[in-house]
Amino acid sequence: MTTGDGDAGGRLFPEDLDGVDPVAAVMLADACRSIAAYPELVAVGALFTAAERVPGGWQVVCPCDPLPQGARELLADHLEDGRAPGAGDGPLPRAVRRLRLEPVDELAVDGRHFRVIRIEQLVRTGPDGPEPPRPTDFDPHPADRRLPRHRPYDLLDDGQSTPDLATAELLCQLLDAAARAGTEPSESFLTPVQLAPAFTVAERSHGHWRPVGRLHDTPQQARDALATYFRHVVPAIERPGEAELADYAEAAALMSGAGRRNGIGVAGRRFRIVRLERLTLLGPDGPEPPRPGDADPR
């Protein structure tokens, strides 16, 4: 429930602002505005990755995959990349083989502890459709060579700190959505840790928005992917007339320009850069592994 003043149910603004980190305060205010403008939360499926136990938390060590086995394969690749050249058939090669052949979600090797973990993906929607990127999202432009275009992998703290109020609100909405779908998490994993968001391209079709591209680390990467579609895929595959080709070329220039556009209409079609929230749940011994009901073909 949203009160209409940016405070979801009156729960998001702390009464005492003394000592509040100004960056965290700006991000919290941004989250509050988004919850007011895009109050509905839609679960769009889980992702899986691997994390290593490090002092103070868990460090994600590889990209995400839609399947637990995909995350195991990526973890195996990560371990092989760190393998010393010419190493024999020791614990590390055996661990890599296990990951490729068995449904292993917990792994200890050479004094290191790894786990395959589950990440919830969620999209906020409102009267005008899905939520676009927020002003506070990490969004380096290609022309700014001072900033990295790719995010480092997330570090998940031990969950000892109290979740900020926006994350707590997100967990409440997630649990409500899970209860409606019959996919509630185990009571052992109820401490939310919010990860960096992901971004994709969606197209409005037959009254609905549907994703039409892969996930990206930054909004600009999603804009660039849409511009590439306009410049190269449309002419080669869809073969529109000359007038529409000119429209697509202009749209590509706008999407890759300095304006950081998050939506565009071209040739009677509508596209939007969409923000996906990502959340993992922690228990006393770390982040949630895959659930028994998660699809996991091998």
C-alpha atoms as a PDB file:
ATOM      1  CA  MET A   1       0.000   0.000   0.000  1.00  0.00           C
ATOM      2  CA  THR A   2       1.330   3.433  -0.906  1.00  0.00           C
ATOM      3  CA  THR A   3       0.292   6.571   0.913  1.00  0.00           C
ATOM      4  CA  GLY A   4       0.910   8.749  -2.136  1.00  0.00           C
ATOM      5  CA  ASP A   5       3.732  10.805  -0.624  1.00  0.00           C
ATOM      6  CA  GLY A   6       6.539   8.413  -1.503  1.00  0.00           C
ATOM      7  CA  ASP A   7       6.257   6.433   1.727  1.00  0.00           C
ATOM      8  CA  ALA A   8       5.054   2.881   1.125  1.00  0.00           C
ATOM      9  CA  GLY A   9       2.646   2.228   3.926  1.00  0.00           C
ATOM     10  CA  GLY A  10       4.427   4.806   6.091  1.00  0.00           C
ATOM     11  CA  ARG A  11       7.321   2.423   6.713  1.00  0.00           C
ATOM     12  CA  LEU A  12      10.212   3.742   4.616  1.00  0.00           C
ATOM     13  CA  PHE A  13      11.363   7.018   6.138  1.00  0.00           C
ATOM     14  CA  PRO A  14      13.318   6.833   9.425  1.00  0.00           C
ATOM     15  CA  GLU A  15      12.264   9.334  12.040  1.00  0.00           C
ATOM     16  CA  ASP A  16      15.816  10.150  13.126  1.00  0.00           C
ATOM     17  CA  LEU A  17      18.048  11.285  10.251  1.00  0.00           C
ATOM     18  CA  ASP A  18      21.056  12.130  12.430  1.00  0.00           C
ATOM     19  CA  GLY A  19      24.117  10.270  11.259  1.00  0.00           C
ATOM     20  CA  VAL A  20      22.466   9.022   8.064  1.00  0.00           C
ATOM     21  CA  ASP A  21      24.944   8.522   5.222  1.00  0.00           C
ATOM     22  CA  PRO A  22      24.003  11.130   2.566  1.00  0.00           C
ATOM     23  CA  VAL A  23      24.523   8.728  -0.363  1.00  0.00           C
ATOM     24  CA  ALA A  24      22.412   6.062   1.344  1.00  0.00           C
ATOM     25  CA  ALA A  25      19.772   8.698   2.091  1.00  0.00           C
ATOM     26  CA  VAL A  26      19.574   9.747  -1.573  1.00  0.00           C
ATOM     27  CA  MET A  27      19.287   6.101  -2.671  1.00  0.00           C
ATOM     28  CA  LEU A  28      16.602   5.458  -0.069  1.00  0.00           C
ATOM     29  CA  ALA A  29      14.623   8.484  -1.252  1.00  0.00           C
ATOM     30  CA  ASP A  30      14.995   7.241  -4.833  1.00  0.00           C
ATOM     31  CA  ALA A  31      13.705   3.803  -3.780  1.00  0.00           C
ATOM     32  CA  CYS A  32      10.752   5.424  -2.021  1.00  0.00           C
ATOM     33  CA  ARG A  33       9.813   7.370  -5.144  1.00  0.00           C
ATOM     34  CA  SER A  34      10.017   4.186  -7.205  1.00  0.00           C
ATOM     35  CA  ILE A  35       7.813   2.232  -4.803  1.00  0.00           C
ATOM     36  CA  ALA A  36       5.225   5.014  -5.029  1.00  0.00           C
ATOM     37  CA  ALA A  37       5.349   5.228  -8.836  1.00  0.00           C
ATOM     38  CA  TYR A  38       5.670   1.471  -9.445  1.00  0.00           C
ATOM     39  CA  PRO A  39       3.877  -0.166  -6.515  1.00  0.00           C
ATOM     40  CA  GLU A  40       3.309  -3.640  -7.964  1.00  0.00           C
ATOM     41  CA  LEU A  41       6.085  -6.220  -7.708  1.00  0.00           C
ATOM     42  CA  VAL A  42       6.264  -9.097 -10.197  1.00  0.00           C
ATOM     43  CA  ALA A  43       8.555 -12.088  -9.624  1.00  0.00           C
ATOM     44  CA  VAL A  44      10.111 -13.026 -12.964  1.00  0.00           C
ATOM     45  CA  GLY A  45      12.097 -16.124 -12.042  1.00  0.00           C
ATOM     46  CA  ALA A  46      15.245 -17.033 -10.181  1.00  0.00           C
ATOM     47  CA  LEU A  47      18.870 -16.851 -11.239  1.00  0.00           C
ATOM     48  CA  PHE A  48      21.791 -18.790  -9.801  1.00  0.00           C
ATOM     49  CA  THR A  49      25.433 -17.985  -9.229  1.00  0.00           C
ATOM     50  CA  ALA A  50      28.300 -19.111  -6.998  1.00  0.00           C
ATOM     51  CA  ALA A  51      29.821 -17.338  -4.026  1.00  0.00           C
ATOM     52  CA  GLU A  52      32.907 -17.895  -1.901  1.00  0.00           C
ATOM     53  CA  ARG A  53      32.983 -17.505   1.891  1.00  0.00           C
ATOM     54  CA  VAL A  54      35.255 -14.574   2.720  1.00  0.00           C
ATOM     55  CA  PRO A  55      35.843 -12.605   5.936  1.00  0.00           C
ATOM     56  CA  GLY A  56      32.618 -10.793   6.758  1.00  0.00           C
ATOM     57  CA  GLY A  57      30.429 -12.383   4.103  1.00  0.00           C
ATOM     58  CA  TRP A  58      30.207 -14.098   0.731  1.00  0.00           C
ATOM     59  CA  GLN A  59      31.841 -12.889  -2.481  1.00  0.00           C
ATOM     60  CA  VAL A  60      30.055 -13.694  -5.741  1.00  0.00           C
ATOM     61  CA  VAL A  61      32.701 -15.133  -8.078  1.00  0.00           C
ATOM     62  CA  CYS A  62      30.979 -15.732 -11.437  1.00  0.00           C
ATOM     63  CA  PRO A  63      28.105 -14.536 -13.644  1.00  0.00           C
ATOM     64  CA  CYS A  64      24.502 -15.635 -13.143  1.00  0.00           C
ATOM     65  CA  ASP A  65      22.739 -18.444 -14.988  1.00  0.00           C
ATOM     66  CA  PRO A  66      19.039 -19.413 -15.218  1.00  0.00           C
ATOM     67  CA  LEU A  67      19.817 -22.953 -13.973  1.00  0.00           C
ATOM     68  CA  PRO A  68      21.673 -24.243 -10.899  1.00  0.00           C
ATOM     69  CA  GLN A  69      23.763 -26.535 -13.117  1.00  0.00           C
ATOM     70  CA  GLY A  70      24.761 -23.558 -15.215  1.00  0.00           C
ATOM     71  CA  ALA A  71      26.059 -21.873 -12.062  1.00  0.00           C
ATOM     72  CA  ARG A  72      27.988 -25.043 -11.169  1.00  0.00           C
ATOM     73  CA  GLU A  73      29.589 -25.042 -14.615  1.00  0.00           C
ATOM     74  CA  LEU A  74      30.532 -21.371 -14.226  1.00  0.00           C
ATOM     75  CA  LEU A  75      32.043 -22.103 -10.812  1.00  0.00           C
ATOM     76  CA  ALA A  76      34.013 -24.976 -12.369  1.00  0.00           C
ATOM     77  CA  ASP A  77      35.316 -22.541 -15.008  1.00  0.00           C
ATOM     78  CA  HIS A  78      36.258 -20.064 -12.268  1.00  0.00           C
ATOM     79  CA  LEU A  79      38.215 -22.727 -10.366  1.00  0.00           C
ATOM     80  CA  GLU A  80      39.944 -23.915 -13.523  1.00  0.00           C
ATOM     81  CA  ASP A  81      40.961 -20.355 -14.370  1.00  0.00           C
ATOM     82  CA  GLY A  82      42.718 -20.156 -10.993  1.00  0.00           C
ATOM     83  CA  ARG A  83      44.405 -23.528 -11.358  1.00  0.00           C
ATOM     84  CA  ALA A  84      48.190 -23.494 -11.540  1.00  0.00           C
ATOM     85  CA  PRO A  85      49.573 -24.612 -14.938  1.00  0.00           C
ATOM     86  CA  GLY A  86      50.716 -28.220 -14.899  1.00  0.00           C
ATOM     87  CA  ALA A  87      48.881 -29.047 -11.668  1.00  0.00           C
ATOM     88  CA  GLY A  88      48.242 -32.776 -11.253  1.00  0.00           C
ATOM     89  CA  ASP A  89      45.094 -34.614 -10.288  1.00  0.00           C
ATOM     90  CA  GLY A  90      44.685 -33.020  -6.878  1.00  0.00           C
ATOM     91  CA  PRO A  91      41.669 -31.759  -4.908  1.00  0.00           C
ATOM     92  CA  LEU A  92      40.977 -28.857  -7.261  1.00  0.00           C
ATOM     93  CA  PRO A  93      40.661 -30.893 -10.506  1.00  0.00           C
ATOM     94  CA  ARG A  94      38.518 -33.436  -8.654  1.00  0.00           C
ATOM     95  CA  ALA A  95      36.271 -30.639  -7.379  1.00  0.00           C
ATOM     96  CA  VAL A  96      35.902 -29.286 -10.906  1.00  0.00           C
ATOM     97  CA  ARG A  97      34.864 -32.717 -12.190  1.00  0.00           C
ATOM     98  CA  ARG A  98      32.296 -33.067  -9.392  1.00  0.00           C
ATOM     99  CA  LEU A  99      30.750 -29.722 -10.315  1.00  0.00           C
ATOM    100  CA  ARG A 100      30.375 -30.799 -13.927  1.00  0.00           C
ATOM    101  CA  LEU A 101      28.951 -34.243 -13.144  1.00  0.00           C
ATOM    102  CA  GLU A 102      27.014 -33.960  -9.861  1.00  0.00           C
ATOM    103  CA  PRO A 103      24.380 -31.586  -8.398  1.00  0.00           C
ATOM    104  CA  VAL A 104      26.896 -30.107  -5.934  1.00  0.00           C
ATOM    105  CA  ASP A 105      25.709 -26.906  -4.248  1.00  0.00           C
ATOM    106  CA  GLU A 106      28.307 -26.809  -1.444  1.00  0.00           C
ATOM    107  CA  LEU A 107      32.029 -27.271  -2.044  1.00  0.00           C
ATOM    108  CA  ALA A 108      35.132 -27.087   0.137  1.00  0.00           C
ATOM    109  CA  VAL A 109      38.477 -27.268  -1.655  1.00  0.00           C
ATOM    110  CA  ASP A 110      42.000 -26.165  -0.708  1.00  0.00           C
ATOM    111  CA  GLY A 111      40.686 -24.473   2.437  1.00  0.00           C
ATOM    112  CA  ARG A 112      38.097 -22.442   0.496  1.00  0.00           C
ATOM    113  CA  HIS A 113      34.309 -22.734   0.808  1.00  0.00           C
ATOM    114  CA  PHE A 114      31.954 -22.196  -2.146  1.00  0.00           C
ATOM    115  CA  ARG A 115      28.175 -22.326  -2.494  1.00  0.00           C
ATOM    116  CA  VAL A 116      25.731 -22.171  -5.396  1.00  0.00           C
ATOM    117  CA  ILE A 117      23.176 -19.522  -4.411  1.00  0.00           C
ATOM    118  CA  ARG A 118      19.681 -18.515  -5.492  1.00  0.00           C
ATOM    119  CA  ILE A 119      18.811 -14.958  -6.547  1.00  0.00           C
ATOM    120  CA  GLU A 120      15.247 -13.687  -6.894  1.00  0.00           C
ATOM    121  CA  GLN A 121      14.504 -11.423  -9.867  1.00  0.00           C
ATOM    122  CA  LEU A 122      11.693  -8.891  -9.543  1.00  0.00           C
ATOM    123  CA  VAL A 123      10.279  -6.106 -11.686  1.00  0.00           C
ATOM    124  CA  ARG A 124       8.287  -3.160 -10.369  1.00  0.00           C
ATOM    125  CA  THR A 125       5.332  -2.044 -12.468  1.00  0.00           C
ATOM    126  CA  GLY A 126       2.974   0.899 -12.375  1.00  0.00           C
ATOM    127  CA  PRO A 127       0.243   2.506 -14.476  1.00  0.00           C
ATOM    128  CA  ASP A 128       2.689   3.283 -17.295  1.00  0.00           C
ATOM    129  CA  GLY A 129       4.422  -0.112 -17.329  1.00  0.00           C
ATOM    130  CA  PRO A 130       7.644  -1.564 -15.882  1.00  0.00           C
ATOM    131  CA  GLU A 131      10.115   0.530 -13.928  1.00  0.00           C
ATOM    132  CA  PRO A 132      12.955   2.099 -15.942  1.00  0.00           C
ATOM    133  CA  PRO A 133      16.446   2.718 -14.477  1.00  0.00           C
ATOM    134  CA  ARG A 134      16.638   4.996 -11.456  1.00  0.00           C
ATOM    135  CA  PRO A 135      18.754   8.172 -11.344  1.00  0.00           C
ATOM    136  CA  THR A 136      20.960   6.589  -8.663  1.00  0.00           C
ATOM    137  CA  ASP A 137      21.706   3.388 -10.629  1.00  0.00           C
ATOM    138  CA  PHE A 138      25.310   2.829 -11.722  1.00  0.00           C
ATOM    139  CA  ASP A 139      25.232   4.048 -15.340  1.00  0.00           C
ATOM    140  CA  PRO A 140      28.616   5.015 -16.855  1.00  0.00           C
ATOM    141  CA  HIS A 141      28.436   6.307 -20.402  1.00  0.00           C
ATOM    142  CA  PRO A 142      30.809   4.832 -23.000  1.00  0.00           C
ATOM    143  CA  ALA A 143      32.349   8.272 -23.593  1.00  0.00           C
ATOM    144  CA  ASP A 144      33.394   8.544 -19.931  1.00  0.00           C
ATOM    145  CA  ARG A 145      36.624   6.542 -19.916  1.00  0.00           C
ATOM    146  CA  ARG A 146      37.246   7.365 -16.259  1.00  0.00           C
ATOM    147  CA  LEU A 147      34.560   4.947 -15.096  1.00  0.00           C
ATOM    148  CA  PRO A 148      34.385   1.173 -15.551  1.00  0.00           C
ATOM    149  CA  ARG A 149      31.436   0.054 -17.664  1.00  0.00           C
ATOM    150  CA  HIS A 150      31.211  -3.325 -15.918  1.00  0.00           C
ATOM    151  CA  ARG A 151      30.271  -3.775 -12.271  1.00  0.00           C
ATOM    152  CA  PRO A 152      32.373  -5.856  -9.911  1.00  0.00           C
ATOM    153  CA  TYR A 153      30.615  -8.929  -8.554  1.00  0.00           C
ATOM    154  CA  ASP A 154      28.476  -8.433  -5.458  1.00  0.00           C
ATOM    155  CA  LEU A 155      29.784  -8.919  -1.931  1.00  0.00           C
ATOM    156  CA  LEU A 156      27.078 -10.230   0.408  1.00  0.00           C
ATOM    157  CA  ASP A 157      27.632  -9.309   4.017  1.00  0.00           C
ATOM    158  CA  ASP A 158      26.850 -11.750   6.795  1.00  0.00           C
ATOM    159  CA  GLY A 159      23.389 -10.286   7.204  1.00  0.00           C
ATOM    160  CA  GLN A 160      24.188  -9.075  10.694  1.00  0.00           C
ATOM    161  CA  SER A 161      23.285  -5.480   9.869  1.00  0.00           C
ATOM    162  CA  THR A 162      19.626  -4.499   9.833  1.00  0.00           C
ATOM    163  CA  PRO A 163      18.280  -4.313   6.254  1.00  0.00           C
ATOM    164  CA  ASP A 164      17.438  -0.786   5.150  1.00  0.00           C
ATOM    165  CA  LEU A 165      13.767  -0.003   5.075  1.00  0.00           C
ATOM    166  CA  ALA A 166      13.469  -0.214   1.285  1.00  0.00           C
ATOM    167  CA  THR A 167      14.989  -3.723   1.309  1.00  0.00           C
ATOM    168  CA  ALA A 168      12.672  -4.764   4.133  1.00  0.00           C
ATOM    169  CA  GLU A 169       9.710  -3.473   2.125  1.00  0.00           C
ATOM    170  CA  LEU A 170      10.980  -5.422  -0.894  1.00  0.00           C
ATOM    171  CA  LEU A 171      11.145  -8.606   1.190  1.00  0.00           C
ATOM    172  CA  CYS A 172       7.560  -8.123   2.383  1.00  0.00           C
ATOM    173  CA  GLN A 173       6.352  -7.749  -1.188  1.00  0.00           C
ATOM    174  CA  LEU A 174       8.435 -10.748  -2.286  1.00  0.00           C
ATOM    175  CA  LEU A 175       6.948 -12.948   0.430  1.00  0.00           C
ATOM    176  CA  ASP A 176       3.439 -11.804  -0.511  1.00  0.00           C
ATOM    177  CA  ALA A 177       4.094 -12.679  -4.173  1.00  0.00           C
ATOM    178  CA  ALA A 178       5.645 -16.033  -3.211  1.00  0.00           C
ATOM    179  CA  ALA A 179       2.664 -16.899  -1.014  1.00  0.00           C
ATOM    180  CA  ARG A 180       0.288 -16.217  -3.910  1.00  0.00           C
ATOM    181  CA  ALA A 181       2.392 -18.439  -6.188  1.00  0.00           C
ATOM    182  CA  GLY A 182       2.955 -21.153  -3.568  1.00  0.00           C
ATOM    183  CA  THR A 183       6.771 -20.753  -3.692  1.00  0.00           C
ATOM    184  CA  GLU A 184       7.546 -19.479  -0.202  1.00  0.00           C
ATOM    185  CA  PRO A 185      11.188 -19.752   0.887  1.00  0.00           C
ATOM    186  CA  SER A 186      12.225 -21.862   3.845  1.00  0.00           C
ATOM    187  CA  GLU A 187      11.937 -20.117   7.199  1.00  0.00           C
ATOM    188  CA  SER A 188      15.692 -20.708   7.533  1.00  0.00           C
ATOM    189  CA  PHE A 189      16.350 -18.037   4.888  1.00  0.00           C
ATOM    190  CA  LEU A 190      14.514 -14.820   5.651  1.00  0.00           C
ATOM    191  CA  THR A 191      17.241 -12.169   5.924  1.00  0.00           C
ATOM    192  CA  PRO A 192      17.148 -10.136   2.686  1.00  0.00           C
ATOM    193  CA  VAL A 193      20.283  -8.858   0.991  1.00  0.00           C
ATOM    194  CA  GLN A 194      19.734  -6.705  -2.052  1.00  0.00           C
ATOM    195  CA  LEU A 195      22.143  -7.152  -4.957  1.00  0.00           C
ATOM    196  CA  ALA A 196      22.941  -4.679  -7.695  1.00  0.00           C
ATOM    197  CA  PRO A 197      20.053  -4.475 -10.194  1.00  0.00           C
ATOM    198  CA  ALA A 198      20.141  -5.760 -13.764  1.00  0.00           C
ATOM    199  CA  PHE A 199      18.680  -4.162 -16.888  1.00  0.00           C
ATOM    200  CA  THR A 200      17.072  -5.414 -20.070  1.00  0.00           C
ATOM    201  CA  VAL A 201      15.069  -4.218 -23.079  1.00  0.00           C
ATOM    202  CA  ALA A 202      11.299  -4.711 -23.229  1.00  0.00           C
ATOM    203  CA  GLU A 203       8.866  -4.119 -26.095  1.00  0.00           C
ATOM    204  CA  ARG A 204       5.178  -3.248 -25.803  1.00  0.00           C
ATOM    205  CA  SER A 205       3.207  -5.852 -27.755  1.00  0.00           C
ATOM    206  CA  HIS A 206      -0.514  -6.699 -27.704  1.00  0.00           C
ATOM    207  CA  GLY A 207      -1.054  -4.656 -24.548  1.00  0.00           C
ATOM    208  CA  HIS A 208       1.831  -6.167 -22.594  1.00  0.00           C
ATOM    209  CA  TRP A 209       5.517  -5.479 -22.074  1.00  0.00           C
ATOM    210  CA  ARG A 210       7.785  -8.444 -22.812  1.00  0.00           C
ATOM    211  CA  PRO A 211      11.581  -8.723 -22.514  1.00  0.00           C
ATOM    212  CA  VAL A 212      13.361  -8.962 -25.861  1.00  0.00           C
ATOM    213  CA  GLY A 213      17.010  -9.119 -24.829  1.00  0.00           C
ATOM    214  CA  ARG A 214      19.442 -10.529 -22.327  1.00  0.00           C
ATOM    215  CA  LEU A 215      20.334  -9.049 -18.940  1.00  0.00           C
ATOM    216  CA  HIS A 216      22.940  -6.295 -18.658  1.00  0.00           C
ATOM    217  CA  ASP A 217      24.941  -4.854 -15.770  1.00  0.00           C
ATOM    218  CA  THR A 218      24.184  -1.214 -16.614  1.00  0.00           C
ATOM    219  CA  PRO A 219      21.382   0.719 -18.327  1.00  0.00           C
ATOM    220  CA  GLN A 220      23.821   1.949 -20.971  1.00  0.00           C
ATOM    221  CA  GLN A 221      24.685  -1.602 -21.979  1.00  0.00           C
ATOM    222  CA  ALA A 222      20.972  -2.246 -22.515  1.00  0.00           C
ATOM    223  CA  ARG A 223      20.668   0.980 -24.548  1.00  0.00           C
ATOM    224  CA  ASP A 224      23.647  -0.042 -26.660  1.00  0.00           C
ATOM    225  CA  ALA A 225      22.083  -3.470 -27.270  1.00  0.00           C
ATOM    226  CA  LEU A 226      18.852  -1.819 -28.443  1.00  0.00           C
ATOM    227  CA  ALA A 227      20.797   0.556 -30.699  1.00  0.00           C
ATOM    228  CA  THR A 228      22.636  -2.434 -32.207  1.00  0.00           C
ATOM    229  CA  TYR A 229      19.288  -4.116 -32.865  1.00  0.00           C
ATOM    230  CA  PHE A 230      18.038  -0.995 -34.672  1.00  0.00           C
ATOM    231  CA  ARG A 231      21.246  -0.574 -36.701  1.00  0.00           C
ATOM    232  CA  HIS A 232      22.074  -4.141 -37.686  1.00  0.00           C
ATOM    233  CA  VAL A 233      19.353  -6.688 -36.882  1.00  0.00           C
ATOM    234  CA  VAL A 234      16.369  -4.771 -38.253  1.00  0.00           C
ATOM    235  CA  PRO A 235      17.948  -4.046 -41.681  1.00  0.00           C
ATOM    236  CA  ALA A 236      19.349  -7.582 -42.068  1.00  0.00           C
ATOM    237  CA  ILE A 237      16.442  -9.643 -40.707  1.00  0.00           C
ATOM    238  CA  GLU A 238      13.270  -7.572 -40.823  1.00  0.00           C
ATOM    239  CA  ARG A 239      14.108  -5.620 -44.008  1.00  0.00           C
ATOM    240  CA  PRO A 240      11.782  -2.600 -43.619  1.00  0.00           C
ATOM    241  CA  GLY A 241      11.316   0.055 -46.329  1.00  0.00           C
ATOM    242  CA  GLU A 242      13.652   2.996 -46.767  1.00  0.00           C
ATOM    243  CA  ALA A 243      11.551   5.406 -44.713  1.00  0.00           C
ATOM    244  CA  GLU A 244      11.399   3.021 -41.757  1.00  0.00           C
ATOM    245  CA  LEU A 245      15.119   2.265 -42.083  1.00  0.00           C
ATOM    246  CA  ALA A 246      15.793   5.963 -41.638  1.00  0.00           C
ATOM    247  CA  ASP A 247      13.555   5.997 -38.559  1.00  0.00           C
ATOM    248  CA  TYR A 248      15.447   3.049 -37.046  1.00  0.00           C
ATOM    249  CA  ALA A 249      18.795   4.713 -37.778  1.00  0.00           C
ATOM    250  CA  GLU A 250      17.619   7.874 -36.015  1.00  0.00           C
ATOM    251  CA  ALA A 251      16.344   5.819 -33.062  1.00  0.00           C
ATOM    252  CA  ALA A 252      19.711   4.042 -32.817  1.00  0.00           C
ATOM    253  CA  ALA A 253      21.511   7.375 -32.670  1.00  0.00           C
ATOM    254  CA  LEU A 254      19.193   8.604 -29.928  1.00  0.00           C
ATOM    255  CA  MET A 255      19.613   5.435 -27.824  1.00  0.00           C
ATOM    256  CA  SER A 256      23.417   5.508 -28.040  1.00  0.00           C
ATOM    257  CA  GLY A 257      23.693   9.271 -27.526  1.00  0.00           C
ATOM    258  CA  ALA A 258      24.577  11.180 -24.399  1.00  0.00           C
ATOM    259  CA  GLY A 259      20.972  11.704 -23.295  1.00  0.00           C
ATOM    260  CA  ARG A 260      20.605   8.346 -21.477  1.00  0.00           C
ATOM    261  CA  ARG A 261      17.146   7.692 -22.911  1.00  0.00           C
ATOM    262  CA  ASN A 262      15.130   4.921 -21.264  1.00  0.00           C
ATOM    263  CA  GLY A 263      12.312   4.641 -23.797  1.00  0.00           C
ATOM    264  CA  ILE A 264      11.670   5.202 -27.482  1.00  0.00           C
ATOM    265  CA  GLY A 265       8.991   4.735 -30.112  1.00  0.00           C
ATOM    266  CA  VAL A 266       9.933   3.840 -33.691  1.00  0.00           C
ATOM    267  CA  ALA A 267       7.962   2.564 -36.694  1.00  0.00           C
ATOM    268  CA  GLY A 268       4.856   2.080 -34.546  1.00  0.00           C
ATOM    269  CA  ARG A 269       6.755   0.062 -31.907  1.00  0.00           C
ATOM    270  CA  ARG A 270       7.566   0.989 -28.299  1.00  0.00           C
ATOM    271  CA  PHE A 271      10.672  -0.043 -26.380  1.00  0.00           C
ATOM    272  CA  ARG A 272      11.801   0.590 -22.806  1.00  0.00           C
ATOM    273  CA  ILE A 273      14.917  -0.077 -20.745  1.00  0.00           C
ATOM    274  CA  VAL A 274      13.640  -2.030 -17.717  1.00  0.00           C
ATOM    275  CA  ARG A 275      15.153  -2.359 -14.261  1.00  0.00           C
ATOM    276  CA  LEU A 276      15.177  -5.737 -12.496  1.00  0.00           C
ATOM    277  CA  GLU A 277      15.621  -5.836  -8.746  1.00  0.00           C
ATOM    278  CA  ARG A 278      17.667  -8.736  -7.410  1.00  0.00           C
ATOM    279  CA  LEU A 279      17.528 -10.144  -3.907  1.00  0.00           C
ATOM    280  CA  THR A 280      19.083 -13.112  -2.142  1.00  0.00           C
ATOM    281  CA  LEU A 281      17.970 -14.534   1.190  1.00  0.00           C
ATOM    282  CA  LEU A 282      20.408 -15.351   3.985  1.00  0.00           C
ATOM    283  CA  GLY A 283      20.153 -17.819   6.814  1.00  0.00           C
ATOM    284  CA  PRO A 284      22.409 -18.430   9.826  1.00  0.00           C
ATOM    285  CA  ASP A 285      25.022 -20.217   7.691  1.00  0.00           C
ATOM    286  CA  GLY A 286      24.899 -18.069   4.553  1.00  0.00           C
ATOM    287  CA  PRO A 287      22.888 -17.420   1.380  1.00  0.00           C
ATOM    288  CA  GLU A 288      20.046 -19.627   0.171  1.00  0.00           C
ATOM    289  CA  PRO A 289      21.046 -22.478  -2.180  1.00  0.00           C
ATOM    290  CA  PRO A 290      18.756 -23.747  -4.976  1.00  0.00           C
ATOM    291  CA  ARG A 291      15.371 -24.982  -3.787  1.00  0.00           C
ATOM    292  CA  PRO A 292      14.194 -28.576  -4.427  1.00  0.00           C
ATOM    293  CA  GLY A 293      11.511 -27.281  -6.785  1.00  0.00           C
ATOM    294  CA  ASP A 294      13.883 -25.239  -8.967  1.00  0.00           C
ATOM    295  CA  ALA A 295      14.277 -26.591 -12.500  1.00  0.00           C
ATOM    296  CA  ASP A 296      17.722 -28.188 -12.785  1.00  0.00           C
ATOM    297  CA  PRO A 297      18.238 -30.356 -15.903  1.00  0.00           C
ATOM    298  CA  ARG A 298      21.690 -31.914 -16.201  1.00  0.00           C
END
